[in-house]
Amino acid sequence: MPKMKTRKAAAKRFHVTGSGKIRFKKSGLRHILTKKSSKRKSDLRKPGFITSKTTEKTIKVMMPYAN
């Protein structure tokens, strides 16, 4: 059976942790930062985690070899 292909766009954006959660980088921290509060910017620095089970399954299908 041939190898399954990984969707490279998903592989660049998501990372599966050891416990199986899907981690991603939050958006909105590249430019136009002066109008954003310090609290908002510090929250954007922290990783986000996928909470929807449906989205989680979709991402795991796109990355068959990520745990």
N, C-alpha and C. Protein backbone atom coordinates (compact mmCIF):
# COMPACT_ATOMS: atom_id res chain seq x y z
N MET A 1 0.84 -1.18 0.00
CA MET A 1 0.00 0.00 0.00
C MET A 1 0.89 1.25 0.00
N PRO A 2 0.59 2.24 -0.85
CA PRO A 2 1.44 3.43 -0.90
C PRO A 2 1.30 4.28 0.35
N LYS A 3 2.29 5.10 0.53
CA LYS A 3 2.26 6.01 1.67
C LYS A 3 1.15 7.04 1.50
N MET A 4 0.57 7.45 2.63
CA MET A 4 -0.45 8.50 2.59
C MET A 4 0.24 9.85 2.58
N LYS A 5 -0.35 10.79 1.88
CA LYS A 5 0.25 12.12 1.80
C LYS A 5 -0.28 13.03 2.89
N THR A 6 0.63 13.84 3.44
CA THR A 6 0.28 14.84 4.44
C THR A 6 -0.08 16.13 3.73
N ARG A 7 -1.15 16.78 4.18
CA ARG A 7 -1.48 18.11 3.65
C ARG A 7 -0.49 19.09 4.26
N LYS A 8 0.41 19.62 3.43
CA LYS A 8 1.49 20.46 3.94
C LYS A 8 0.99 21.75 4.55
N ALA A 9 -0.11 22.29 4.05
CA ALA A 9 -0.67 23.52 4.63
C ALA A 9 -1.07 23.28 6.09
N ALA A 10 -1.65 22.12 6.36
CA ALA A 10 -2.06 21.79 7.73
C ALA A 10 -0.84 21.51 8.61
N ALA A 11 0.16 20.83 8.04
CA ALA A 11 1.36 20.49 8.80
C ALA A 11 2.12 21.74 9.25
N LYS A 12 2.04 22.81 8.44
CA LYS A 12 2.73 24.05 8.78
C LYS A 12 2.00 24.82 9.87
N ARG A 13 0.70 24.60 10.01
CA ARG A 13 -0.12 25.40 10.92
C ARG A 13 -0.45 24.72 12.23
N PHE A 14 -0.47 23.40 12.25
CA PHE A 14 -0.91 22.67 13.43
C PHE A 14 0.17 21.71 13.92
N HIS A 15 0.14 21.43 15.22
CA HIS A 15 1.08 20.51 15.83
C HIS A 15 0.31 19.65 16.81
N VAL A 16 0.49 18.33 16.75
CA VAL A 16 -0.20 17.43 17.67
C VAL A 16 0.70 17.20 18.87
N THR A 17 0.16 17.45 20.08
CA THR A 17 0.93 17.29 21.30
C THR A 17 0.98 15.82 21.69
N GLY A 18 1.75 15.52 22.72
CA GLY A 18 1.88 14.14 23.17
C GLY A 18 0.59 13.55 23.66
N SER A 19 -0.27 14.39 24.23
CA SER A 19 -1.55 13.89 24.74
C SER A 19 -2.63 13.83 23.67
N GLY A 20 -2.30 14.28 22.43
CA GLY A 20 -3.24 14.19 21.33
C GLY A 20 -3.98 15.47 21.01
N LYS A 21 -3.74 16.54 21.78
CA LYS A 21 -4.39 17.81 21.49
C LYS A 21 -3.73 18.45 20.27
N ILE A 22 -4.47 19.30 19.58
CA ILE A 22 -3.93 20.00 18.41
C ILE A 22 -3.69 21.45 18.78
N ARG A 23 -2.44 21.86 18.64
CA ARG A 23 -2.01 23.21 19.02
C ARG A 23 -1.80 24.03 17.76
N PHE A 24 -2.10 25.34 17.85
CA PHE A 24 -1.89 26.23 16.71
C PHE A 24 -1.47 27.60 17.21
N LYS A 25 -0.92 28.42 16.31
CA LYS A 25 -0.52 29.79 16.63
C LYS A 25 -1.69 30.71 16.36
N LYS A 26 -1.98 31.57 17.31
CA LYS A 26 -3.09 32.51 17.14
C LYS A 26 -2.71 33.60 16.15
N SER A 27 -3.70 34.10 15.45
CA SER A 27 -3.45 35.14 14.45
C SER A 27 -3.63 36.52 15.07
N GLY A 28 -3.14 37.54 14.38
CA GLY A 28 -3.36 38.92 14.79
C GLY A 28 -2.20 39.57 15.49
N LEU A 29 -0.99 38.97 15.37
CA LEU A 29 0.15 39.53 16.09
C LEU A 29 1.27 39.96 15.14
N ARG A 30 0.93 40.20 13.89
CA ARG A 30 1.96 40.56 12.90
C ARG A 30 2.10 42.07 12.70
N HIS A 31 0.99 42.77 12.60
CA HIS A 31 1.07 44.21 12.37
C HIS A 31 -0.18 44.87 12.96
N ILE A 32 -0.21 46.20 12.90
CA ILE A 32 -1.29 47.00 13.52
C ILE A 32 -1.41 46.63 15.00
N LEU A 33 -0.29 46.76 15.71
CA LEU A 33 -0.26 46.35 17.12
C LEU A 33 -0.50 47.51 18.08
N THR A 34 -0.47 48.75 17.59
CA THR A 34 -0.57 49.89 18.50
C THR A 34 -1.95 50.01 19.12
N LYS A 35 -2.99 49.63 18.41
CA LYS A 35 -4.34 49.76 18.95
C LYS A 35 -4.74 48.58 19.84
N LYS A 36 -3.92 47.54 19.90
CA LYS A 36 -4.24 46.37 20.71
C LYS A 36 -3.62 46.51 22.10
N SER A 37 -4.38 46.10 23.10
CA SER A 37 -3.90 46.23 24.48
C SER A 37 -2.79 45.22 24.77
N SER A 38 -2.01 45.50 25.80
CA SER A 38 -0.92 44.60 26.19
C SER A 38 -1.45 43.23 26.58
N LYS A 39 -2.60 43.21 27.25
CA LYS A 39 -3.21 41.94 27.66
C LYS A 39 -3.61 41.12 26.44
N ARG A 40 -4.19 41.78 25.46
CA ARG A 40 -4.61 41.08 24.24
C ARG A 40 -3.40 40.53 23.49
N LYS A 41 -2.32 41.32 23.43
CA LYS A 41 -1.13 40.87 22.72
C LYS A 41 -0.46 39.71 23.44
N SER A 42 -0.46 39.73 24.77
CA SER A 42 0.16 38.63 25.51
C SER A 42 -0.68 37.36 25.39
N ASP A 43 -2.00 37.51 25.30
CA ASP A 43 -2.86 36.34 25.09
C ASP A 43 -2.66 35.75 23.70
N LEU A 44 -2.37 36.61 22.71
CA LEU A 44 -2.14 36.12 21.35
C LEU A 44 -0.81 35.37 21.23
N ARG A 45 0.13 35.64 22.15
CA ARG A 45 1.41 34.94 22.11
C ARG A 45 1.29 33.49 22.56
N LYS A 46 0.29 33.20 23.39
CA LYS A 46 0.11 31.84 23.90
C LYS A 46 -0.50 30.96 22.80
N PRO A 47 -0.17 29.67 22.82
CA PRO A 47 -0.74 28.79 21.79
C PRO A 47 -2.23 28.57 22.00
N GLY A 48 -2.93 28.34 20.91
CA GLY A 48 -4.34 28.00 20.98
C GLY A 48 -4.50 26.50 20.78
N PHE A 49 -5.59 25.96 21.28
CA PHE A 49 -5.86 24.54 21.13
C PHE A 49 -7.22 24.36 20.48
N ILE A 50 -7.33 23.39 19.59
CA ILE A 50 -8.59 23.09 18.92
C ILE A 50 -9.53 22.46 19.95
N THR A 51 -10.74 23.01 20.07
CA THR A 51 -11.70 22.49 21.03
C THR A 51 -12.81 21.70 20.36
N SER A 52 -13.07 21.97 19.09
CA SER A 52 -14.14 21.28 18.38
C SER A 52 -13.68 19.88 17.96
N LYS A 53 -14.44 18.86 18.32
CA LYS A 53 -14.09 17.48 17.97
C LYS A 53 -14.14 17.26 16.46
N THR A 54 -15.09 17.93 15.79
CA THR A 54 -15.23 17.78 14.34
C THR A 54 -14.00 18.34 13.63
N THR A 55 -13.57 19.53 14.04
CA THR A 55 -12.38 20.15 13.44
C THR A 55 -11.14 19.32 13.74
N GLU A 56 -11.07 18.79 14.95
CA GLU A 56 -9.93 17.97 15.35
C GLU A 56 -9.81 16.73 14.45
N LYS A 57 -10.92 16.07 14.18
CA LYS A 57 -10.90 14.90 13.30
C LYS A 57 -10.46 15.27 11.90
N THR A 58 -10.94 16.41 11.40
CA THR A 58 -10.57 16.86 10.05
C THR A 58 -9.07 17.10 9.95
N ILE A 59 -8.50 17.74 10.95
CA ILE A 59 -7.07 18.05 10.93
C ILE A 59 -6.25 16.77 11.03
N LYS A 60 -6.70 15.83 11.84
CA LYS A 60 -5.96 14.57 11.98
C LYS A 60 -6.00 13.74 10.70
N VAL A 61 -7.07 13.87 9.91
CA VAL A 61 -7.12 13.20 8.60
C VAL A 61 -6.10 13.83 7.66
N MET A 62 -5.91 15.15 7.76
CA MET A 62 -4.97 15.84 6.89
C MET A 62 -3.51 15.50 7.23
N MET A 63 -3.28 15.11 8.48
CA MET A 63 -1.92 14.78 8.92
C MET A 63 -1.90 13.33 9.45
N PRO A 64 -1.85 12.34 8.57
CA PRO A 64 -1.98 10.96 8.99
C PRO A 64 -0.85 10.44 9.87
N TYR A 65 0.32 11.03 9.81
CA TYR A 65 1.46 10.52 10.56
C TYR A 65 1.78 11.34 11.79
N ALA A 66 0.93 12.29 12.14
CA ALA A 66 1.17 13.12 13.33
C ALA A 66 0.51 12.47 14.53
N ASN A 67 1.20 11.51 15.13
CA ASN A 67 0.73 10.75 16.30
C ASN A 67 -0.63 10.17 16.03
